[in-house]
């Protein structure tokens, strides 16, 4: 579970950094959408779902796939794959 929490935290940091770069008027809608996603990642419901996902993953063995938030952030930001 700790790994996924750290992945979520890292995704939030990456999204925040990306939002800071969005300054043009035409980018404000994207910035607003990203802020909504960040709010979802921080929500207690998302954290509960993340915990449920982690418990299922642990029961079925470990996985080498990144967490959903990190995968999303990397898709948005173009992060290199491990």
PDB file of N, CA and C in Angstrom:
ATOM      1  N   UNK A   1       0.828  -1.199   0.000  1.00  0.00           N
ATOM      2  CA  UNK A   1       0.000   0.000   0.000  1.00  0.00           C
ATOM      3  C   UNK A   1       0.868   1.257   0.000  1.00  0.00           C
ATOM      4  N   UNK A   2       1.981   1.218   0.715  1.00  0.00           N
ATOM      5  CA  UNK A   2       2.867   2.374   0.793  1.00  0.00           C
ATOM      6  C   UNK A   2       3.365   2.776  -0.583  1.00  0.00           C
ATOM      7  N   UNK A   3       3.683   1.813  -1.414  1.00  0.00           N
ATOM      8  CA  UNK A   3       4.178   2.104  -2.760  1.00  0.00           C
ATOM      9  C   UNK A   3       3.134   2.870  -3.566  1.00  0.00           C
ATOM     10  N   UNK A   4       1.872   2.441  -3.499  1.00  0.00           N
ATOM     11  CA  UNK A   4       0.820   3.119  -4.245  1.00  0.00           C
ATOM     12  C   UNK A   4       0.551   4.509  -3.695  1.00  0.00           C
ATOM     13  N   UNK A   5       0.653   4.677  -2.387  1.00  0.00           N
ATOM     14  CA  UNK A   5       0.479   6.005  -1.802  1.00  0.00           C
ATOM     15  C   UNK A   5       1.582   6.917  -2.299  1.00  0.00           C
ATOM     16  N   UNK A   6       2.802   6.423  -2.334  1.00  0.00           N
ATOM     17  CA  UNK A   6       3.904   7.221  -2.845  1.00  0.00           C
ATOM     18  C   UNK A   6       3.720   7.531  -4.318  1.00  0.00           C
ATOM     19  N   UNK A   7       3.208   6.576  -5.102  1.00  0.00           N
ATOM     20  CA  UNK A   7       2.918   6.819  -6.513  1.00  0.00           C
ATOM     21  C   UNK A   7       1.861   7.905  -6.665  1.00  0.00           C
ATOM     22  N   UNK A   8       0.852   7.872  -5.820  1.00  0.00           N
ATOM     23  CA  UNK A   8      -0.191   8.889  -5.864  1.00  0.00           C
ATOM     24  C   UNK A   8       0.390  10.243  -5.506  1.00  0.00           C
ATOM     25  N   UNK A   9       1.204  10.280  -4.471  1.00  0.00           N
ATOM     26  CA  UNK A   9       1.846  11.539  -4.082  1.00  0.00           C
ATOM     27  C   UNK A   9       2.721  12.070  -5.209  1.00  0.00           C
ATOM     28  N   UNK A  10       3.447  11.191  -5.842  1.00  0.00           N
ATOM     29  CA  UNK A  10       4.316  11.596  -6.966  1.00  0.00           C
ATOM     30  C   UNK A  10       3.473  12.119  -8.129  1.00  0.00           C
ATOM     31  N   UNK A  11       2.364  11.465  -8.404  1.00  0.00           N
ATOM     32  CA  UNK A  11       1.469  11.925  -9.470  1.00  0.00           C
ATOM     33  C   UNK A  11       0.951  13.323  -9.160  1.00  0.00           C
ATOM     34  N   UNK A  12       0.593  13.565  -7.914  1.00  0.00           N
ATOM     35  CA  UNK A  12       0.111  14.888  -7.525  1.00  0.00           C
ATOM     36  C   UNK A  12       1.192  15.950  -7.698  1.00  0.00           C
ATOM     37  N   UNK A  13       2.416  15.611  -7.345  1.00  0.00           N
ATOM     38  CA  UNK A  13       3.529  16.551  -7.518  1.00  0.00           C
ATOM     39  C   UNK A  13       3.726  16.854  -9.007  1.00  0.00           C
ATOM     40  N   UNK A  14       3.711  15.833  -9.835  1.00  0.00           N
ATOM     41  CA  UNK A  14       3.890  16.028 -11.278  1.00  0.00           C
ATOM     42  C   UNK A  14       2.767  16.862 -11.876  1.00  0.00           C
ATOM     43  N   UNK A  15       1.543  16.586 -11.453  1.00  0.00           N
ATOM     44  CA  UNK A  15       0.410  17.355 -11.958  1.00  0.00           C
ATOM     45  C   UNK A  15       0.499  18.817 -11.524  1.00  0.00           C
ATOM     46  N   UNK A  16       0.913  19.049 -10.297  1.00  0.00           N
ATOM     47  CA  UNK A  16       1.069  20.421  -9.807  1.00  0.00           C
ATOM     48  C   UNK A  16       2.139  21.155 -10.612  1.00  0.00           C
ATOM     49  N   UNK A  17       3.258  20.502 -10.861  1.00  0.00           N
ATOM     50  CA  UNK A  17       4.325  21.108 -11.661  1.00  0.00           C
ATOM     51  C   UNK A  17       3.833  21.426 -13.066  1.00  0.00           C
ATOM     52  N   UNK A  18       3.075  20.528 -13.648  1.00  0.00           N
ATOM     53  CA  UNK A  18       2.543  20.746 -14.988  1.00  0.00           C
ATOM     54  C   UNK A  18       1.575  21.920 -14.995  1.00  0.00           C
ATOM     55  N   UNK A  19       0.718  22.005 -13.979  1.00  0.00           N
ATOM     56  CA  UNK A  19      -0.244  23.110 -13.900  1.00  0.00           C
ATOM     57  C   UNK A  19       0.450  24.461 -13.841  1.00  0.00           C
ATOM     58  N   UNK A  20       1.575  24.528 -13.167  1.00  0.00           N
ATOM     59  CA  UNK A  20       2.309  25.787 -13.064  1.00  0.00           C
ATOM     60  C   UNK A  20       2.789  26.280 -14.425  1.00  0.00           C
ATOM     61  N   UNK A  21       2.956  25.357 -15.357  1.00  0.00           N
ATOM     62  CA  UNK A  21       3.431  25.710 -16.696  1.00  0.00           C
ATOM     63  C   UNK A  21       2.292  26.173 -17.606  1.00  0.00           C
ATOM     64  N   UNK A  22       1.065  25.952 -17.207  1.00  0.00           N
ATOM     65  CA  UNK A  22      -0.089  26.309 -18.023  1.00  0.00           C
ATOM     66  C   UNK A  22      -0.496  27.751 -17.729  1.00  0.00           C
ATOM     67  N   UNK A  23      -0.059  28.667 -18.577  1.00  0.00           N
ATOM     68  CA  UNK A  23      -0.301  30.091 -18.337  1.00  0.00           C
ATOM     69  C   UNK A  23      -1.088  30.758 -19.446  1.00  0.00           C
ATOM     70  N   UNK A  24      -1.106  30.173 -20.621  1.00  0.00           N
ATOM     71  CA  UNK A  24      -1.808  30.781 -21.748  1.00  0.00           C
ATOM     72  C   UNK A  24      -3.317  30.680 -21.524  1.00  0.00           C
ATOM     73  N   UNK A  25      -4.049  31.660 -22.033  1.00  0.00           N
ATOM     74  CA  UNK A  25      -5.510  31.632 -21.869  1.00  0.00           C
ATOM     75  C   UNK A  25      -6.149  30.342 -22.406  1.00  0.00           C
ATOM     76  N   UNK A  26      -5.645  29.841 -23.501  1.00  0.00           N
ATOM     77  CA  UNK A  26      -6.220  28.625 -24.086  1.00  0.00           C
ATOM     78  C   UNK A  26      -5.885  27.365 -23.289  1.00  0.00           C
ATOM     79  N   UNK A  27      -4.969  27.458 -22.331  1.00  0.00           N
ATOM     80  CA  UNK A  27      -4.589  26.326 -21.497  1.00  0.00           C
ATOM     81  C   UNK A  27      -5.354  26.275 -20.170  1.00  0.00           C
ATOM     82  N   UNK A  28      -6.149  27.300 -19.901  1.00  0.00           N
ATOM     83  CA  UNK A  28      -6.821  27.384 -18.607  1.00  0.00           C
ATOM     84  C   UNK A  28      -7.886  26.309 -18.410  1.00  0.00           C
ATOM     85  N   UNK A  29      -8.531  25.897 -19.484  1.00  0.00           N
ATOM     86  CA  UNK A  29      -9.513  24.811 -19.363  1.00  0.00           C
ATOM     87  C   UNK A  29      -8.818  23.504 -18.985  1.00  0.00           C
ATOM     88  N   UNK A  30      -7.678  23.236 -19.583  1.00  0.00           N
ATOM     89  CA  UNK A  30      -6.888  22.047 -19.234  1.00  0.00           C
ATOM     90  C   UNK A  30      -6.420  22.136 -17.783  1.00  0.00           C
ATOM     91  N   UNK A  31      -5.961  23.306 -17.384  1.00  0.00           N
ATOM     92  CA  UNK A  31      -5.500  23.506 -16.015  1.00  0.00           C
ATOM     93  C   UNK A  31      -6.637  23.231 -15.022  1.00  0.00           C
ATOM     94  N   UNK A  32      -7.816  23.708 -15.335  1.00  0.00           N
ATOM     95  CA  UNK A  32      -8.973  23.489 -14.477  1.00  0.00           C
ATOM     96  C   UNK A  32      -9.298  21.994 -14.374  1.00  0.00           C
ATOM     97  N   UNK A  33      -9.232  21.292 -15.503  1.00  0.00           N
ATOM     98  CA  UNK A  33      -9.507  19.848 -15.517  1.00  0.00           C
ATOM     99  C   UNK A  33      -8.466  19.081 -14.693  1.00  0.00           C
ATOM    100  N   UNK A  34      -7.215  19.465 -14.820  1.00  0.00           N
ATOM    101  CA  UNK A  34      -6.149  18.802 -14.058  1.00  0.00           C
ATOM    102  C   UNK A  34      -6.340  19.058 -12.571  1.00  0.00           C
ATOM    103  N   UNK A  35      -6.729  20.254 -12.201  1.00  0.00           N
ATOM    104  CA  UNK A  35      -6.984  20.565 -10.785  1.00  0.00           C
ATOM    105  C   UNK A  35      -8.130  19.702 -10.246  1.00  0.00           C
ATOM    106  N   UNK A  36      -9.142  19.435 -11.079  1.00  0.00           N
ATOM    107  CA  UNK A  36     -10.232  18.549 -10.662  1.00  0.00           C
ATOM    108  C   UNK A  36      -9.703  17.137 -10.404  1.00  0.00           C
ATOM    109  N   UNK A  37      -8.851  16.652 -11.292  1.00  0.00           N
ATOM    110  CA  UNK A  37      -8.251  15.324 -11.120  1.00  0.00           C
ATOM    111  C   UNK A  37      -7.431  15.286  -9.833  1.00  0.00           C
ATOM    112  N   UNK A  38      -6.691  16.337  -9.580  1.00  0.00           N
ATOM    113  CA  UNK A  38      -5.892  16.404  -8.354  1.00  0.00           C
ATOM    114  C   UNK A  38      -6.797  16.342  -7.127  1.00  0.00           C
ATOM    115  N   UNK A  39      -7.926  17.029  -7.194  1.00  0.00           N
ATOM    116  CA  UNK A  39      -8.875  16.982  -6.087  1.00  0.00           C
ATOM    117  C   UNK A  39      -9.418  15.580  -5.865  1.00  0.00           C
ATOM    118  N   UNK A  40      -9.646  14.876  -6.956  1.00  0.00           N
ATOM    119  CA  UNK A  40     -10.114  13.486  -6.867  1.00  0.00           C
ATOM    120  C   UNK A  40      -9.051  12.616  -6.213  1.00  0.00           C
ATOM    121  N   UNK A  41      -7.788  12.773  -6.638  1.00  0.00           N
ATOM    122  CA  UNK A  41      -6.697  11.977  -6.056  1.00  0.00           C
ATOM    123  C   UNK A  41      -6.587  12.208  -4.553  1.00  0.00           C
ATOM    124  N   UNK A  42      -6.894  13.418  -4.112  1.00  0.00           N
ATOM    125  CA  UNK A  42      -6.777  13.769  -2.694  1.00  0.00           C
ATOM    126  C   UNK A  42      -8.011  13.373  -1.888  1.00  0.00           C
ATOM    127  N   UNK A  43      -9.090  13.009  -2.560  1.00  0.00           N
ATOM    128  CA  UNK A  43     -10.345  12.721  -1.866  1.00  0.00           C
ATOM    129  C   UNK A  43     -10.273  11.441  -1.047  1.00  0.00           C
ATOM    130  N   UNK A  44     -11.088  11.402  -0.011  1.00  0.00           N
ATOM    131  CA  UNK A  44     -11.124  10.209   0.839  1.00  0.00           C
ATOM    132  C   UNK A  44     -11.706   9.017   0.074  1.00  0.00           C
ATOM    133  N   UNK A  45     -12.630   9.260  -0.846  1.00  0.00           N
ATOM    134  CA  UNK A  45     -13.194   8.169  -1.650  1.00  0.00           C
ATOM    135  C   UNK A  45     -12.108   7.528  -2.512  1.00  0.00           C
ATOM    136  N   UNK A  46     -11.305   8.341  -3.184  1.00  0.00           N
ATOM    137  CA  UNK A  46     -10.237   7.803  -4.026  1.00  0.00           C
ATOM    138  C   UNK A  46      -9.237   7.026  -3.188  1.00  0.00           C
ATOM    139  N   UNK A  47      -8.886   7.574  -2.037  1.00  0.00           N
ATOM    140  CA  UNK A  47      -7.931   6.889  -1.158  1.00  0.00           C
ATOM    141  C   UNK A  47      -8.493   5.548  -0.698  1.00  0.00           C
ATOM    142  N   UNK A  48      -9.802   5.499  -0.425  1.00  0.00           N
ATOM    143  CA  UNK A  48     -10.434   4.236  -0.028  1.00  0.00           C
ATOM    144  C   UNK A  48     -10.402   3.236  -1.185  1.00  0.00           C
ATOM    145  N   UNK A  49     -10.700   3.700  -2.392  1.00  0.00           N
ATOM    146  CA  UNK A  49     -10.652   2.818  -3.569  1.00  0.00           C
ATOM    147  C   UNK A  49      -9.230   2.338  -3.825  1.00  0.00           C
ATOM    148  N   UNK A  50      -8.281   3.210  -3.641  1.00  0.00           N
ATOM    149  CA  UNK A  50      -6.876   2.850  -3.809  1.00  0.00           C
ATOM    150  C   UNK A  50      -6.493   1.773  -2.806  1.00  0.00           C
ATOM    151  N   UNK A  51      -6.960   1.920  -1.579  1.00  0.00           N
ATOM    152  CA  UNK A  51      -6.704   0.912  -0.553  1.00  0.00           C
ATOM    153  C   UNK A  51      -7.328  -0.418  -0.916  1.00  0.00           C
ATOM    154  N   UNK A  52      -8.540  -0.387  -1.465  1.00  0.00           N
ATOM    155  CA  UNK A  52      -9.217  -1.611  -1.890  1.00  0.00           C
ATOM    156  C   UNK A  52      -8.460  -2.278  -3.037  1.00  0.00           C
ATOM    157  N   UNK A  53      -8.016  -1.475  -3.999  1.00  0.00           N
ATOM    158  CA  UNK A  53      -7.241  -1.983  -5.135  1.00  0.00           C
ATOM    159  C   UNK A  53      -5.950  -2.635  -4.637  1.00  0.00           C
ATOM    160  N   UNK A  54      -5.306  -1.991  -3.680  1.00  0.00           N
ATOM    161  CA  UNK A  54      -4.051  -2.500  -3.137  1.00  0.00           C
ATOM    162  C   UNK A  54      -4.263  -3.829  -2.427  1.00  0.00           C
ATOM    163  N   UNK A  55      -5.334  -3.933  -1.658  1.00  0.00           N
ATOM    164  CA  UNK A  55      -5.618  -5.180  -0.949  1.00  0.00           C
ATOM    165  C   UNK A  55      -5.845  -6.322  -1.934  1.00  0.00           C
ATOM    166  N   UNK A  56      -6.572  -6.050  -3.023  1.00  0.00           N
ATOM    167  CA  UNK A  56      -6.814  -7.085  -4.039  1.00  0.00           C
ATOM    168  C   UNK A  56      -5.507  -7.480  -4.708  1.00  0.00           C
ATOM    169  N   UNK A  57      -4.656  -6.497  -4.996  1.00  0.00           N
ATOM    170  CA  UNK A  57      -3.370  -6.779  -5.632  1.00  0.00           C
ATOM    171  C   UNK A  57      -2.508  -7.634  -4.722  1.00  0.00           C
ATOM    172  N   UNK A  58      -2.506  -7.305  -3.434  1.00  0.00           N
ATOM    173  CA  UNK A  58      -1.701  -8.053  -2.471  1.00  0.00           C
ATOM    174  C   UNK A  58      -2.184  -9.495  -2.363  1.00  0.00           C
ATOM    175  N   UNK A  59      -3.498  -9.694  -2.368  1.00  0.00           N
ATOM    176  CA  UNK A  59      -4.045 -11.050  -2.264  1.00  0.00           C
ATOM    177  C   UNK A  59      -3.687 -11.908  -3.477  1.00  0.00           C
ATOM    178  N   UNK A  60      -3.582 -11.282  -4.637  1.00  0.00           N
ATOM    179  CA  UNK A  60      -3.326 -12.026  -5.869  1.00  0.00           C
ATOM    180  C   UNK A  60      -1.858 -11.979  -6.283  1.00  0.00           C
ATOM    181  N   UNK A  61      -1.004 -11.554  -5.393  1.00  0.00           N
ATOM    182  CA  UNK A  61       0.423 -11.447  -5.709  1.00  0.00           C
ATOM    183  C   UNK A  61       0.772 -10.017  -6.076  1.00  0.00           C
ATOM    184  N   UNK A  62       2.044  -9.726  -6.058  1.00  0.00           N
ATOM    185  CA  UNK A  62       2.472  -8.371  -6.349  1.00  0.00           C
ATOM    186  C   UNK A  62       2.394  -8.103  -7.841  1.00  0.00           C
ATOM    187  N   UNK A  63       2.337  -6.853  -8.172  1.00  0.00           N
ATOM    188  CA  UNK A  63       2.261  -6.449  -9.569  1.00  0.00           C
ATOM    189  C   UNK A  63       3.371  -5.459  -9.872  1.00  0.00           C
ATOM    190  N   UNK A  64       3.869  -5.472 -11.084  1.00  0.00           N
ATOM    191  CA  UNK A  64       4.915  -4.529 -11.461  1.00  0.00           C
ATOM    192  C   UNK A  64       4.343  -3.330 -12.189  1.00  0.00           C
ATOM    193  N   UNK A  65       3.023  -3.274 -12.351  1.00  0.00           N
ATOM    194  CA  UNK A  65       2.392  -2.155 -13.039  1.00  0.00           C
ATOM    195  C   UNK A  65       2.351  -0.945 -12.135  1.00  0.00           C
ATOM    196  N   UNK A  66       2.507   0.260 -12.704  1.00  0.00           N
ATOM    197  CA  UNK A  66       2.402   1.456 -11.873  1.00  0.00           C
ATOM    198  C   UNK A  66       0.964   1.646 -11.414  1.00  0.00           C
ATOM    199  N   UNK A  67       0.788   2.421 -10.355  1.00  0.00           N
ATOM    200  CA  UNK A  67      -0.561   2.714  -9.896  1.00  0.00           C
ATOM    201  C   UNK A  67      -1.301   3.509 -10.965  1.00  0.00           C
ATOM    202  N   UNK A  68      -2.601   3.494 -10.903  1.00  0.00           N
ATOM    203  CA  UNK A  68      -3.401   4.233 -11.865  1.00  0.00           C
ATOM    204  C   UNK A  68      -3.101   5.723 -11.862  1.00  0.00           C
ATOM    205  N   UNK A  69      -2.959   6.375 -10.686  1.00  0.00           N
ATOM    206  CA  UNK A  69      -2.645   7.799 -10.715  1.00  0.00           C
ATOM    207  C   UNK A  69      -1.321   8.115 -11.385  1.00  0.00           C
ATOM    208  N   UNK A  70      -0.323   7.305 -11.121  1.00  0.00           N
ATOM    209  CA  UNK A  70       0.975   7.546 -11.733  1.00  0.00           C
ATOM    210  C   UNK A  70       0.911   7.317 -13.233  1.00  0.00           C
ATOM    211  N   UNK A  71       0.226   6.274 -13.646  1.00  0.00           N
ATOM    212  CA  UNK A  71       0.086   6.011 -15.078  1.00  0.00           C
ATOM    213  C   UNK A  71      -0.623   7.172 -15.761  1.00  0.00           C
ATOM    214  N   UNK A  72      -1.667   7.699 -15.113  1.00  0.00           N
ATOM    215  CA  UNK A  72      -2.393   8.832 -15.677  1.00  0.00           C
ATOM    216  C   UNK A  72      -1.493  10.053 -15.784  1.00  0.00           C
ATOM    217  N   UNK A  73      -0.775  10.351 -14.705  1.00  0.00           N
ATOM    218  CA  UNK A  73       0.098  11.512 -14.704  1.00  0.00           C
ATOM    219  C   UNK A  73       1.167  11.390 -15.784  1.00  0.00           C
ATOM    220  N   UNK A  74       1.719  10.208 -15.937  1.00  0.00           N
ATOM    221  CA  UNK A  74       2.742  10.009 -16.962  1.00  0.00           C
ATOM    222  C   UNK A  74       2.163  10.131 -18.370  1.00  0.00           C
ATOM    223  N   UNK A  75       0.939   9.694 -18.554  1.00  0.00           N
ATOM    224  CA  UNK A  75       0.285   9.881 -19.851  1.00  0.00           C
ATOM    225  C   UNK A  75       0.108  11.360 -20.160  1.00  0.00           C
ATOM    226  N   UNK A  76      -0.307  12.121 -19.154  1.00  0.00           N
ATOM    227  CA  UNK A  76      -0.535  13.552 -19.336  1.00  0.00           C
ATOM    228  C   UNK A  76       0.769  14.300 -19.530  1.00  0.00           C
ATOM    229  N   UNK A  77       1.766  13.955 -18.714  1.00  0.00           N
ATOM    230  CA  UNK A  77       3.018  14.717 -18.714  1.00  0.00           C
ATOM    231  C   UNK A  77       4.097  14.163 -19.628  1.00  0.00           C
ATOM    232  N   UNK A  78       3.882  12.961 -20.167  1.00  0.00           N
ATOM    233  CA  UNK A  78       4.881  12.369 -21.035  1.00  0.00           C
ATOM    234  C   UNK A  78       6.094  11.870 -20.289  1.00  0.00           C
ATOM    235  N   UNK A  79       5.893  11.320 -19.109  1.00  0.00           N
ATOM    236  CA  UNK A  79       7.001  10.814 -18.306  1.00  0.00           C
ATOM    237  C   UNK A  79       7.605   9.583 -18.963  1.00  0.00           C
ATOM    238  N   UNK A  80       8.901   9.383 -18.802  1.00  0.00           N
ATOM    239  CA  UNK A  80       9.515   8.162 -19.331  1.00  0.00           C
ATOM    240  C   UNK A  80       9.053   6.948 -18.554  1.00  0.00           C
ATOM    241  N   UNK A  81       8.920   5.839 -19.226  1.00  0.00           N
ATOM    242  CA  UNK A  81       8.544   4.588 -18.577  1.00  0.00           C
ATOM    243  C   UNK A  81       9.756   3.990 -17.907  1.00  0.00           C
ATOM    244  N   UNK A  82       9.526   3.266 -16.770  1.00  0.00           N
ATOM    245  CA  UNK A  82      10.631   2.610 -16.058  1.00  0.00           C
ATOM    246  C   UNK A  82      11.204   1.487 -16.876  1.00  0.00           C
TER     247      UNK A  82
END
